[in-house]
Amino acid sequence: MTEPATLHLRFEKQQSGSTILRVRQQDPPWRVVRGFPTPSGELLVHVHNVSGGVLDGDSLTCRIEVGPFAQAQVTTTGATRVYRSRSPRHTAAHTAKVTVCDGAYLEYVPDQLIPFAGSRLRQSVSIELRPQASLIWWERVACGREASGEVFQYESLASSVEVLTEGDCVARELWRLQPLIRRLDSAARLGPFLHFASCYVCRTGQPAGWWRDFESAVQQVAERESNAEILWGVSCLKAHGAVIRGVSRSGRRLEQSWVEVWKAAKWLLCGRAAALPRKIH
């Protein structure tokens, strides 16, 4: 098993109004080069795994702190590949610990997660939002390497997500997929769909009525994007946010559609346009 590796990023707002990045810690294989200003006002940062993916036995921790009134966008340099486990005793782990301070904004828009045949991954996300903090947090998961015939051939994929607003838990999600033990094409799981996505959209302090209007507006986009190949839906959290979910038969169709849903959600949340983050190589 490899040594634990930590990436610690801190975003801070300067007196000039712009956001800067401070890299507090980056252990291999994590790598962040610099931040790039975006047209919509965030500082864009690419998180790079220089090993090419998540290896058997990796223990990766990512800490993101967005200081008061800072504006941040975080993405990956490409799809996150989860490689085959060599031993049933090994499960790779990825943990994210996120704090968004007063009046700050964080947008997390990674590329898809691709679990290879025989892989095992356990991921955990904990997000704390302070007063007037805003969040858009995406996740997209593929069925595997379709071109290689690896459709739902991974051993295990487990995920937990917790969202706290001013100490109050507004969302807790926990699931585990074991397609070699429990088939995912049952109606109780994914049915005919091979890819799925989810997005948490939050702002601390917004009243319940505002979120009902948000749900209604995004649902109109979700219905417009839905068809026999892809389905989208949105629902309010118990407070301070909403969750958007989608399932798709095609990775390409999901790649096209989720951007439209994201654009609508971001415009409603903060009145700014959403554009795919540029990639660096």
C-alpha atoms as a PDB file:
ATOM      1  CA  MET A   1       0.000   0.000   0.000  1.00  0.00           C
ATOM      2  CA  THR A   2       1.279   3.456  -0.903  1.00  0.00           C
ATOM      3  CA  GLU A   3       1.853   6.222   1.622  1.00  0.00           C
ATOM      4  CA  PRO A   4      -1.074   8.586   2.293  1.00  0.00           C
ATOM      5  CA  ALA A   5      -0.979  11.684   0.083  1.00  0.00           C
ATOM      6  CA  THR A   6      -2.557  15.053   0.878  1.00  0.00           C
ATOM      7  CA  LEU A   7      -3.396  18.056  -1.275  1.00  0.00           C
ATOM      8  CA  HIS A   8      -4.322  21.219   0.632  1.00  0.00           C
ATOM      9  CA  LEU A   9      -5.582  24.220  -1.312  1.00  0.00           C
ATOM     10  CA  ARG A  10      -6.542  27.585   0.153  1.00  0.00           C
ATOM     11  CA  PHE A  11      -8.309  30.301  -1.864  1.00  0.00           C
ATOM     12  CA  GLU A  12      -8.176  33.866  -0.535  1.00  0.00           C
ATOM     13  CA  LYS A  13      -9.703  37.129  -1.675  1.00  0.00           C
ATOM     14  CA  GLN A  14      -7.250  40.020  -2.045  1.00  0.00           C
ATOM     15  CA  GLN A  15      -7.963  43.679  -1.346  1.00  0.00           C
ATOM     16  CA  SER A  16      -8.105  44.222  -5.112  1.00  0.00           C
ATOM     17  CA  GLY A  17     -11.097  41.877  -5.212  1.00  0.00           C
ATOM     18  CA  SER A  18      -9.398  39.039  -7.082  1.00  0.00           C
ATOM     19  CA  THR A  19      -8.925  35.545  -5.652  1.00  0.00           C
ATOM     20  CA  ILE A  20      -5.502  33.964  -5.207  1.00  0.00           C
ATOM     21  CA  LEU A  21      -4.440  30.384  -4.574  1.00  0.00           C
ATOM     22  CA  ARG A  22      -2.168  29.183  -1.803  1.00  0.00           C
ATOM     23  CA  VAL A  23      -0.992  25.582  -2.032  1.00  0.00           C
ATOM     24  CA  ARG A  24      -0.418  24.581   1.577  1.00  0.00           C
ATOM     25  CA  GLN A  25       0.563  20.992   0.827  1.00  0.00           C
ATOM     26  CA  GLN A  26       0.837  18.715  -2.196  1.00  0.00           C
ATOM     27  CA  ASP A  27       2.215  15.235  -1.806  1.00  0.00           C
ATOM     28  CA  PRO A  28       2.818  13.039  -4.862  1.00  0.00           C
ATOM     29  CA  PRO A  29       0.857  12.095  -6.909  1.00  0.00           C
ATOM     30  CA  TRP A  30      -1.095  15.347  -6.380  1.00  0.00           C
ATOM     31  CA  ARG A  31       0.012  18.299  -8.466  1.00  0.00           C
ATOM     32  CA  VAL A  32      -1.365  21.829  -8.873  1.00  0.00           C
ATOM     33  CA  VAL A  33       0.520  24.327 -11.006  1.00  0.00           C
ATOM     34  CA  ARG A  34      -1.292  27.660 -10.756  1.00  0.00           C
ATOM     35  CA  GLY A  35      -4.664  29.376 -10.868  1.00  0.00           C
ATOM     36  CA  PHE A  36      -6.275  30.964 -13.916  1.00  0.00           C
ATOM     37  CA  PRO A  37      -8.861  33.769 -13.783  1.00  0.00           C
ATOM     38  CA  THR A  38     -12.144  32.914 -15.492  1.00  0.00           C
ATOM     39  CA  PRO A  39     -14.474  35.294 -17.368  1.00  0.00           C
ATOM     40  CA  SER A  40     -17.174  34.675 -14.742  1.00  0.00           C
ATOM     41  CA  GLY A  41     -14.933  35.776 -11.863  1.00  0.00           C
ATOM     42  CA  GLU A  42     -13.674  32.563 -10.276  1.00  0.00           C
ATOM     43  CA  LEU A  43     -10.072  31.440  -9.978  1.00  0.00           C
ATOM     44  CA  LEU A  44      -9.757  28.169 -11.911  1.00  0.00           C
ATOM     45  CA  VAL A  45      -7.443  25.459 -10.592  1.00  0.00           C
ATOM     46  CA  HIS A  46      -6.625  22.145 -12.263  1.00  0.00           C
ATOM     47  CA  VAL A  47      -5.979  19.214  -9.939  1.00  0.00           C
ATOM     48  CA  HIS A  48      -3.609  16.751 -11.580  1.00  0.00           C
ATOM     49  CA  ASN A  49      -2.836  13.189 -10.517  1.00  0.00           C
ATOM     50  CA  VAL A  50       0.605  12.636 -12.049  1.00  0.00           C
ATOM     51  CA  SER A  51       0.373   8.849 -11.640  1.00  0.00           C
ATOM     52  CA  GLY A  52      -2.348   8.826 -14.299  1.00  0.00           C
ATOM     53  CA  GLY A  53      -5.125   7.621 -12.038  1.00  0.00           C
ATOM     54  CA  VAL A  54      -6.029   6.066  -8.709  1.00  0.00           C
ATOM     55  CA  LEU A  55      -3.798   3.079  -8.040  1.00  0.00           C
ATOM     56  CA  ASP A  56      -4.411   0.001  -5.957  1.00  0.00           C
ATOM     57  CA  GLY A  57      -4.030   0.907  -2.300  1.00  0.00           C
ATOM     58  CA  ASP A  58      -3.829   4.687  -2.803  1.00  0.00           C
ATOM     59  CA  SER A  59      -4.974   6.827   0.124  1.00  0.00           C
ATOM     60  CA  LEU A  60      -5.615  10.307  -1.272  1.00  0.00           C
ATOM     61  CA  THR A  61      -6.897  13.285   0.688  1.00  0.00           C
ATOM     62  CA  CYS A  62      -7.886  16.624  -0.823  1.00  0.00           C
ATOM     63  CA  ARG A  63      -8.549  19.616   1.441  1.00  0.00           C
ATOM     64  CA  ILE A  64     -10.115  22.705  -0.103  1.00  0.00           C
ATOM     65  CA  GLU A  65     -10.634  25.919   1.859  1.00  0.00           C
ATOM     66  CA  VAL A  66     -12.318  28.889   0.216  1.00  0.00           C
ATOM     67  CA  GLY A  67     -11.753  31.978   2.364  1.00  0.00           C
ATOM     68  CA  PRO A  68     -14.336  34.712   2.980  1.00  0.00           C
ATOM     69  CA  PHE A  69     -15.747  36.122  -0.292  1.00  0.00           C
ATOM     70  CA  ALA A  70     -13.222  34.241  -2.447  1.00  0.00           C
ATOM     71  CA  GLN A  71     -14.467  32.724  -5.715  1.00  0.00           C
ATOM     72  CA  ALA A  72     -13.056  29.362  -6.824  1.00  0.00           C
ATOM     73  CA  GLN A  73     -13.534  26.810  -9.567  1.00  0.00           C
ATOM     74  CA  VAL A  74     -11.804  23.427  -9.307  1.00  0.00           C
ATOM     75  CA  THR A  75     -11.557  20.849 -12.075  1.00  0.00           C
ATOM     76  CA  THR A  76      -9.418  17.890 -13.116  1.00  0.00           C
ATOM     77  CA  THR A  77      -7.078  17.644 -16.078  1.00  0.00           C
ATOM     78  CA  GLY A  78      -8.944  14.616 -17.413  1.00  0.00           C
ATOM     79  CA  ALA A  79     -11.037  11.636 -16.410  1.00  0.00           C
ATOM     80  CA  THR A  80     -10.195   9.993 -13.082  1.00  0.00           C
ATOM     81  CA  ARG A  81      -9.210   6.399 -13.861  1.00  0.00           C
ATOM     82  CA  VAL A  82      -9.458   3.849 -11.073  1.00  0.00           C
ATOM     83  CA  TYR A  83      -7.097   0.977 -11.845  1.00  0.00           C
ATOM     84  CA  ARG A  84      -7.537  -2.731 -11.126  1.00  0.00           C
ATOM     85  CA  SER A  85      -6.911  -3.914  -7.571  1.00  0.00           C
ATOM     86  CA  ARG A  86      -4.205  -6.542  -7.241  1.00  0.00           C
ATOM     87  CA  SER A  87      -5.469  -8.036  -3.991  1.00  0.00           C
ATOM     88  CA  PRO A  88      -8.900  -8.407  -2.332  1.00  0.00           C
ATOM     89  CA  ARG A  89      -7.323  -6.786   0.727  1.00  0.00           C
ATOM     90  CA  HIS A  90      -6.676  -3.533  -1.147  1.00  0.00           C
ATOM     91  CA  THR A  91      -9.241  -0.761  -1.617  1.00  0.00           C
ATOM     92  CA  ALA A  92      -8.194   2.658  -2.851  1.00  0.00           C
ATOM     93  CA  ALA A  93      -9.512   5.599  -0.837  1.00  0.00           C
ATOM     94  CA  HIS A  94     -10.178   9.197  -1.837  1.00  0.00           C
ATOM     95  CA  THR A  95     -11.300  11.710   0.771  1.00  0.00           C
ATOM     96  CA  ALA A  96     -12.308  15.341   0.210  1.00  0.00           C
ATOM     97  CA  LYS A  97     -12.711  17.814   3.062  1.00  0.00           C
ATOM     98  CA  VAL A  98     -14.153  21.142   1.955  1.00  0.00           C
ATOM     99  CA  THR A  99     -14.829  24.413   3.771  1.00  0.00           C
ATOM    100  CA  VAL A 100     -16.520  27.357   2.048  1.00  0.00           C
ATOM    101  CA  CYS A 101     -16.358  30.450   4.254  1.00  0.00           C
ATOM    102  CA  ASP A 102     -18.674  33.453   4.610  1.00  0.00           C
ATOM    103  CA  GLY A 103     -19.838  34.844   1.278  1.00  0.00           C
ATOM    104  CA  ALA A 104     -17.485  32.580  -0.705  1.00  0.00           C
ATOM    105  CA  TYR A 105     -18.253  30.464  -3.760  1.00  0.00           C
ATOM    106  CA  LEU A 106     -16.899  27.076  -4.829  1.00  0.00           C
ATOM    107  CA  GLU A 107     -17.631  25.305  -8.069  1.00  0.00           C
ATOM    108  CA  TYR A 108     -16.329  21.745  -8.485  1.00  0.00           C
ATOM    109  CA  VAL A 109     -16.631  20.453 -12.052  1.00  0.00           C
ATOM    110  CA  PRO A 110     -14.433  17.349 -12.477  1.00  0.00           C
ATOM    111  CA  ASP A 111     -14.283  15.051 -15.473  1.00  0.00           C
ATOM    112  CA  GLN A 112     -15.936  11.681 -15.174  1.00  0.00           C
ATOM    113  CA  LEU A 113     -14.810   8.870 -12.880  1.00  0.00           C
ATOM    114  CA  ILE A 114     -13.996   5.647 -14.781  1.00  0.00           C
ATOM    115  CA  PRO A 115     -13.668   2.491 -12.643  1.00  0.00           C
ATOM    116  CA  PHE A 116     -11.655  -0.163 -14.499  1.00  0.00           C
ATOM    117  CA  ALA A 117     -12.457  -3.867 -14.334  1.00  0.00           C
ATOM    118  CA  GLY A 118     -11.450  -5.352 -10.993  1.00  0.00           C
ATOM    119  CA  SER A 119     -11.056  -1.970  -9.268  1.00  0.00           C
ATOM    120  CA  ARG A 120     -12.140  -0.991  -5.780  1.00  0.00           C
ATOM    121  CA  LEU A 121     -12.615   2.577  -4.592  1.00  0.00           C
ATOM    122  CA  ARG A 122     -14.052   4.168  -1.487  1.00  0.00           C
ATOM    123  CA  GLN A 123     -14.608   7.909  -1.677  1.00  0.00           C
ATOM    124  CA  SER A 124     -15.826  10.293   0.993  1.00  0.00           C
ATOM    125  CA  VAL A 125     -16.768  13.970   0.736  1.00  0.00           C
ATOM    126  CA  SER A 126     -17.458  16.308   3.658  1.00  0.00           C
ATOM    127  CA  ILE A 127     -18.515  19.888   2.862  1.00  0.00           C
ATOM    128  CA  GLU A 128     -19.044  22.684   5.379  1.00  0.00           C
ATOM    129  CA  LEU A 129     -20.741  25.897   4.275  1.00  0.00           C
ATOM    130  CA  ARG A 130     -20.540  29.053   6.370  1.00  0.00           C
ATOM    131  CA  PRO A 131     -23.083  31.962   6.257  1.00  0.00           C
ATOM    132  CA  GLN A 132     -23.935  33.102   2.702  1.00  0.00           C
ATOM    133  CA  ALA A 133     -21.531  30.543   1.228  1.00  0.00           C
ATOM    134  CA  SER A 134     -22.419  29.087  -2.198  1.00  0.00           C
ATOM    135  CA  LEU A 135     -21.600  25.723  -3.738  1.00  0.00           C
ATOM    136  CA  ILE A 136     -21.958  23.777  -6.967  1.00  0.00           C
ATOM    137  CA  TRP A 137     -20.504  20.273  -6.586  1.00  0.00           C
ATOM    138  CA  TRP A 138     -20.652  17.856  -9.536  1.00  0.00           C
ATOM    139  CA  GLU A 139     -19.868  14.171  -9.852  1.00  0.00           C
ATOM    140  CA  ARG A 140     -20.118  12.014 -12.998  1.00  0.00           C
ATOM    141  CA  VAL A 141     -19.522   8.267 -12.993  1.00  0.00           C
ATOM    142  CA  ALA A 142     -19.036   5.998 -16.017  1.00  0.00           C
ATOM    143  CA  CYS A 143     -19.824   2.286 -16.207  1.00  0.00           C
ATOM    144  CA  GLY A 144     -16.196   1.470 -16.995  1.00  0.00           C
ATOM    145  CA  ARG A 145     -14.139   1.289 -20.184  1.00  0.00           C
ATOM    146  CA  GLU A 146     -16.936   0.627 -22.661  1.00  0.00           C
ATOM    147  CA  ALA A 147     -14.589   0.464 -25.671  1.00  0.00           C
ATOM    148  CA  SER A 148     -12.728  -2.403 -23.964  1.00  0.00           C
ATOM    149  CA  GLY A 149     -15.930  -4.252 -23.079  1.00  0.00           C
ATOM    150  CA  GLU A 150     -15.591  -3.404 -19.387  1.00  0.00           C
ATOM    151  CA  VAL A 151     -19.192  -2.493 -18.588  1.00  0.00           C
ATOM    152  CA  PHE A 152     -19.813  -2.776 -14.843  1.00  0.00           C
ATOM    153  CA  GLN A 153     -16.810  -5.042 -14.358  1.00  0.00           C
ATOM    154  CA  TYR A 154     -15.398  -3.236 -11.332  1.00  0.00           C
ATOM    155  CA  GLU A 155     -15.422  -4.921  -7.928  1.00  0.00           C
ATOM    156  CA  SER A 156     -16.705  -2.115  -5.724  1.00  0.00           C
ATOM    157  CA  LEU A 157     -17.420   1.603  -5.835  1.00  0.00           C
ATOM    158  CA  ALA A 158     -18.557   3.239  -2.598  1.00  0.00           C
ATOM    159  CA  SER A 159     -19.345   6.880  -1.908  1.00  0.00           C
ATOM    160  CA  SER A 160     -20.436   9.048   1.001  1.00  0.00           C
ATOM    161  CA  VAL A 161     -21.305  12.744   0.847  1.00  0.00           C
ATOM    162  CA  GLU A 162     -22.212  15.037   3.723  1.00  0.00           C
ATOM    163  CA  VAL A 163     -23.156  18.708   3.377  1.00  0.00           C
ATOM    164  CA  LEU A 164     -23.296  20.929   6.465  1.00  0.00           C
ATOM    165  CA  THR A 165     -24.623  24.485   6.527  1.00  0.00           C
ATOM    166  CA  GLU A 166     -23.613  26.383   9.660  1.00  0.00           C
ATOM    167  CA  GLY A 167     -23.260  23.055  11.458  1.00  0.00           C
ATOM    168  CA  ASP A 168     -26.627  21.664  10.349  1.00  0.00           C
ATOM    169  CA  CYS A 169     -26.567  18.586   8.114  1.00  0.00           C
ATOM    170  CA  VAL A 170     -28.759  19.266   5.063  1.00  0.00           C
ATOM    171  CA  ALA A 171     -27.640  16.299   2.957  1.00  0.00           C
ATOM    172  CA  ARG A 172     -26.184  12.880   3.671  1.00  0.00           C
ATOM    173  CA  GLU A 173     -25.701  10.377   0.881  1.00  0.00           C
ATOM    174  CA  LEU A 174     -24.276   6.877   1.158  1.00  0.00           C
ATOM    175  CA  TRP A 175     -24.129   4.174  -1.493  1.00  0.00           C
ATOM    176  CA  ARG A 176     -22.051   1.217  -2.634  1.00  0.00           C
ATOM    177  CA  LEU A 177     -22.134  -0.517  -6.011  1.00  0.00           C
ATOM    178  CA  GLN A 178     -20.907  -4.107  -6.411  1.00  0.00           C
ATOM    179  CA  PRO A 179     -21.983  -5.026  -9.939  1.00  0.00           C
ATOM    180  CA  LEU A 180     -20.352  -8.470  -9.893  1.00  0.00           C
ATOM    181  CA  ILE A 181     -22.474  -9.376  -6.848  1.00  0.00           C
ATOM    182  CA  ARG A 182     -25.635  -7.305  -7.377  1.00  0.00           C
ATOM    183  CA  ARG A 183     -26.448  -6.515 -10.991  1.00  0.00           C
ATOM    184  CA  LEU A 184     -27.020  -2.842 -11.673  1.00  0.00           C
ATOM    185  CA  ASP A 185     -29.522  -3.304 -14.512  1.00  0.00           C
ATOM    186  CA  SER A 186     -32.374  -4.017 -12.094  1.00  0.00           C
ATOM    187  CA  ALA A 187     -35.168  -1.440 -11.889  1.00  0.00           C
ATOM    188  CA  ALA A 188     -34.208  -0.789  -8.248  1.00  0.00           C
ATOM    189  CA  ARG A 189     -30.717   0.321  -9.323  1.00  0.00           C
ATOM    190  CA  LEU A 190     -29.752   1.785 -12.706  1.00  0.00           C
ATOM    191  CA  GLY A 191     -32.016  -0.210 -15.001  1.00  0.00           C
ATOM    192  CA  PRO A 192     -30.982   0.337 -18.642  1.00  0.00           C
ATOM    193  CA  PHE A 193     -28.672   3.251 -17.831  1.00  0.00           C
ATOM    194  CA  LEU A 194     -24.877   3.021 -17.791  1.00  0.00           C
ATOM    195  CA  HIS A 195     -23.764   6.471 -16.598  1.00  0.00           C
ATOM    196  CA  PHE A 196     -24.953   8.727 -13.797  1.00  0.00           C
ATOM    197  CA  ALA A 197     -24.340  12.207 -12.451  1.00  0.00           C
ATOM    198  CA  SER A 198     -25.241  14.253  -9.408  1.00  0.00           C
ATOM    199  CA  CYS A 199     -24.852  17.870  -8.377  1.00  0.00           C
ATOM    200  CA  TYR A 200     -25.365  19.627  -5.059  1.00  0.00           C
ATOM    201  CA  VAL A 201     -26.315  23.291  -5.396  1.00  0.00           C
ATOM    202  CA  CYS A 202     -26.340  25.222  -2.109  1.00  0.00           C
ATOM    203  CA  ARG A 203     -26.347  28.698  -0.648  1.00  0.00           C
ATOM    204  CA  THR A 204     -26.585  29.159   3.079  1.00  0.00           C
ATOM    205  CA  GLY A 205     -29.380  31.498   4.156  1.00  0.00           C
ATOM    206  CA  GLN A 206     -31.654  31.324   1.111  1.00  0.00           C
ATOM    207  CA  PRO A 207     -35.301  30.794   2.207  1.00  0.00           C
ATOM    208  CA  ALA A 208     -37.282  27.679   1.358  1.00  0.00           C
ATOM    209  CA  GLY A 209     -39.453  29.548  -1.136  1.00  0.00           C
ATOM    210  CA  TRP A 210     -36.402  30.580  -3.144  1.00  0.00           C
ATOM    211  CA  TRP A 211     -35.324  26.935  -3.427  1.00  0.00           C
ATOM    212  CA  ARG A 212     -38.801  25.847  -4.522  1.00  0.00           C
ATOM    213  CA  ASP A 213     -38.585  28.396  -7.336  1.00  0.00           C
ATOM    214  CA  PHE A 214     -35.074  27.128  -8.151  1.00  0.00           C
ATOM    215  CA  GLU A 215     -36.317  23.551  -8.274  1.00  0.00           C
ATOM    216  CA  SER A 216     -39.155  24.502 -10.603  1.00  0.00           C
ATOM    217  CA  ALA A 217     -36.893  26.450 -12.972  1.00  0.00           C
ATOM    218  CA  VAL A 218     -34.193  23.777 -13.185  1.00  0.00           C
ATOM    219  CA  GLN A 219     -36.807  21.055 -13.561  1.00  0.00           C
ATOM    220  CA  GLN A 220     -37.990  22.737 -16.741  1.00  0.00           C
ATOM    221  CA  VAL A 221     -34.472  22.419 -18.151  1.00  0.00           C
ATOM    222  CA  ALA A 222     -34.245  18.846 -16.837  1.00  0.00           C
ATOM    223  CA  GLU A 223     -37.432  17.871 -18.651  1.00  0.00           C
ATOM    224  CA  ARG A 224     -36.247  19.546 -21.828  1.00  0.00           C
ATOM    225  CA  GLU A 225     -32.988  17.565 -21.691  1.00  0.00           C
ATOM    226  CA  SER A 226     -34.639  14.243 -20.824  1.00  0.00           C
ATOM    227  CA  ASN A 227     -35.596  11.588 -23.356  1.00  0.00           C
ATOM    228  CA  ALA A 228     -35.326   7.831 -23.861  1.00  0.00           C
ATOM    229  CA  GLU A 229     -31.531   8.060 -23.636  1.00  0.00           C
ATOM    230  CA  ILE A 230     -31.199  10.271 -20.564  1.00  0.00           C
ATOM    231  CA  LEU A 231     -33.270  11.317 -17.558  1.00  0.00           C
ATOM    232  CA  TRP A 232     -32.778  14.310 -15.270  1.00  0.00           C
ATOM    233  CA  GLY A 233     -34.504  15.335 -12.045  1.00  0.00           C
ATOM    234  CA  VAL A 234     -34.101  17.918  -9.291  1.00  0.00           C
ATOM    235  CA  SER A 235     -35.363  18.156  -5.725  1.00  0.00           C
ATOM    236  CA  CYS A 236     -34.889  20.518  -2.806  1.00  0.00           C
ATOM    237  CA  LEU A 237     -32.855  19.566   0.222  1.00  0.00           C
ATOM    238  CA  LYS A 238     -34.408  20.066   3.625  1.00  0.00           C
ATOM    239  CA  ALA A 239     -32.863  23.567   3.612  1.00  0.00           C
ATOM    240  CA  HIS A 240     -30.305  25.771   1.848  1.00  0.00           C
ATOM    241  CA  GLY A 241     -30.003  23.761  -1.345  1.00  0.00           C
ATOM    242  CA  ALA A 242     -31.096  21.309  -3.997  1.00  0.00           C
ATOM    243  CA  VAL A 243     -29.741  18.155  -5.589  1.00  0.00           C
ATOM    244  CA  ILE A 244     -29.776  17.396  -9.310  1.00  0.00           C
ATOM    245  CA  ARG A 245     -29.424  13.839 -10.613  1.00  0.00           C
ATOM    246  CA  GLY A 246     -29.163  12.313 -14.045  1.00  0.00           C
ATOM    247  CA  VAL A 247     -28.827   8.848 -15.584  1.00  0.00           C
ATOM    248  CA  SER A 248     -27.874   8.127 -19.176  1.00  0.00           C
ATOM    249  CA  ARG A 249     -27.458   5.201 -21.560  1.00  0.00           C
ATOM    250  CA  SER A 250     -24.614   7.025 -23.304  1.00  0.00           C
ATOM    251  CA  GLY A 251     -21.548   8.736 -21.913  1.00  0.00           C
ATOM    252  CA  ARG A 252     -21.493  11.096 -24.872  1.00  0.00           C
ATOM    253  CA  ARG A 253     -25.112  12.101 -24.333  1.00  0.00           C
ATOM    254  CA  LEU A 254     -24.446  12.779 -20.667  1.00  0.00           C
ATOM    255  CA  GLU A 255     -21.362  14.823 -21.588  1.00  0.00           C
ATOM    256  CA  GLN A 256     -23.516  17.056 -23.762  1.00  0.00           C
ATOM    257  CA  SER A 257     -26.510  17.322 -21.475  1.00  0.00           C
ATOM    258  CA  TRP A 258     -25.017  17.980 -18.055  1.00  0.00           C
ATOM    259  CA  VAL A 259     -23.535  21.271 -19.275  1.00  0.00           C
ATOM    260  CA  GLU A 260     -27.006  22.615 -20.053  1.00  0.00           C
ATOM    261  CA  VAL A 261     -28.259  21.686 -16.592  1.00  0.00           C
ATOM    262  CA  TRP A 262     -25.157  23.224 -15.014  1.00  0.00           C
ATOM    263  CA  LYS A 263     -25.609  26.465 -16.962  1.00  0.00           C
ATOM    264  CA  ALA A 264     -29.162  26.846 -15.720  1.00  0.00           C
ATOM    265  CA  ALA A 265     -28.265  26.054 -12.103  1.00  0.00           C
ATOM    266  CA  LYS A 266     -25.323  28.463 -11.996  1.00  0.00           C
ATOM    267  CA  TRP A 267     -27.249  31.317 -13.580  1.00  0.00           C
ATOM    268  CA  LEU A 268     -30.080  30.930 -11.084  1.00  0.00           C
ATOM    269  CA  LEU A 269     -27.708  30.593  -8.131  1.00  0.00           C
ATOM    270  CA  CYS A 270     -25.386  33.516  -8.757  1.00  0.00           C
ATOM    271  CA  GLY A 271     -26.320  35.199 -12.057  1.00  0.00           C
ATOM    272  CA  ARG A 272     -23.107  34.149 -13.797  1.00  0.00           C
ATOM    273  CA  ALA A 273     -22.583  32.197 -16.990  1.00  0.00           C
ATOM    274  CA  ALA A 274     -21.158  28.677 -16.844  1.00  0.00           C
ATOM    275  CA  ALA A 275     -18.455  27.733 -19.307  1.00  0.00           C
ATOM    276  CA  LEU A 276     -16.470  24.518 -19.438  1.00  0.00           C
ATOM    277  CA  PRO A 277     -13.108  25.073 -17.742  1.00  0.00           C
ATOM    278  CA  ARG A 278     -10.203  25.061 -20.147  1.00  0.00           C
ATOM    279  CA  LYS A 279      -7.799  22.175 -19.775  1.00  0.00           C
ATOM    280  CA  ILE A 280      -4.026  22.237 -19.428  1.00  0.00           C
ATOM    281  CA  HIS A 281      -1.654  19.533 -20.673  1.00  0.00           C
END
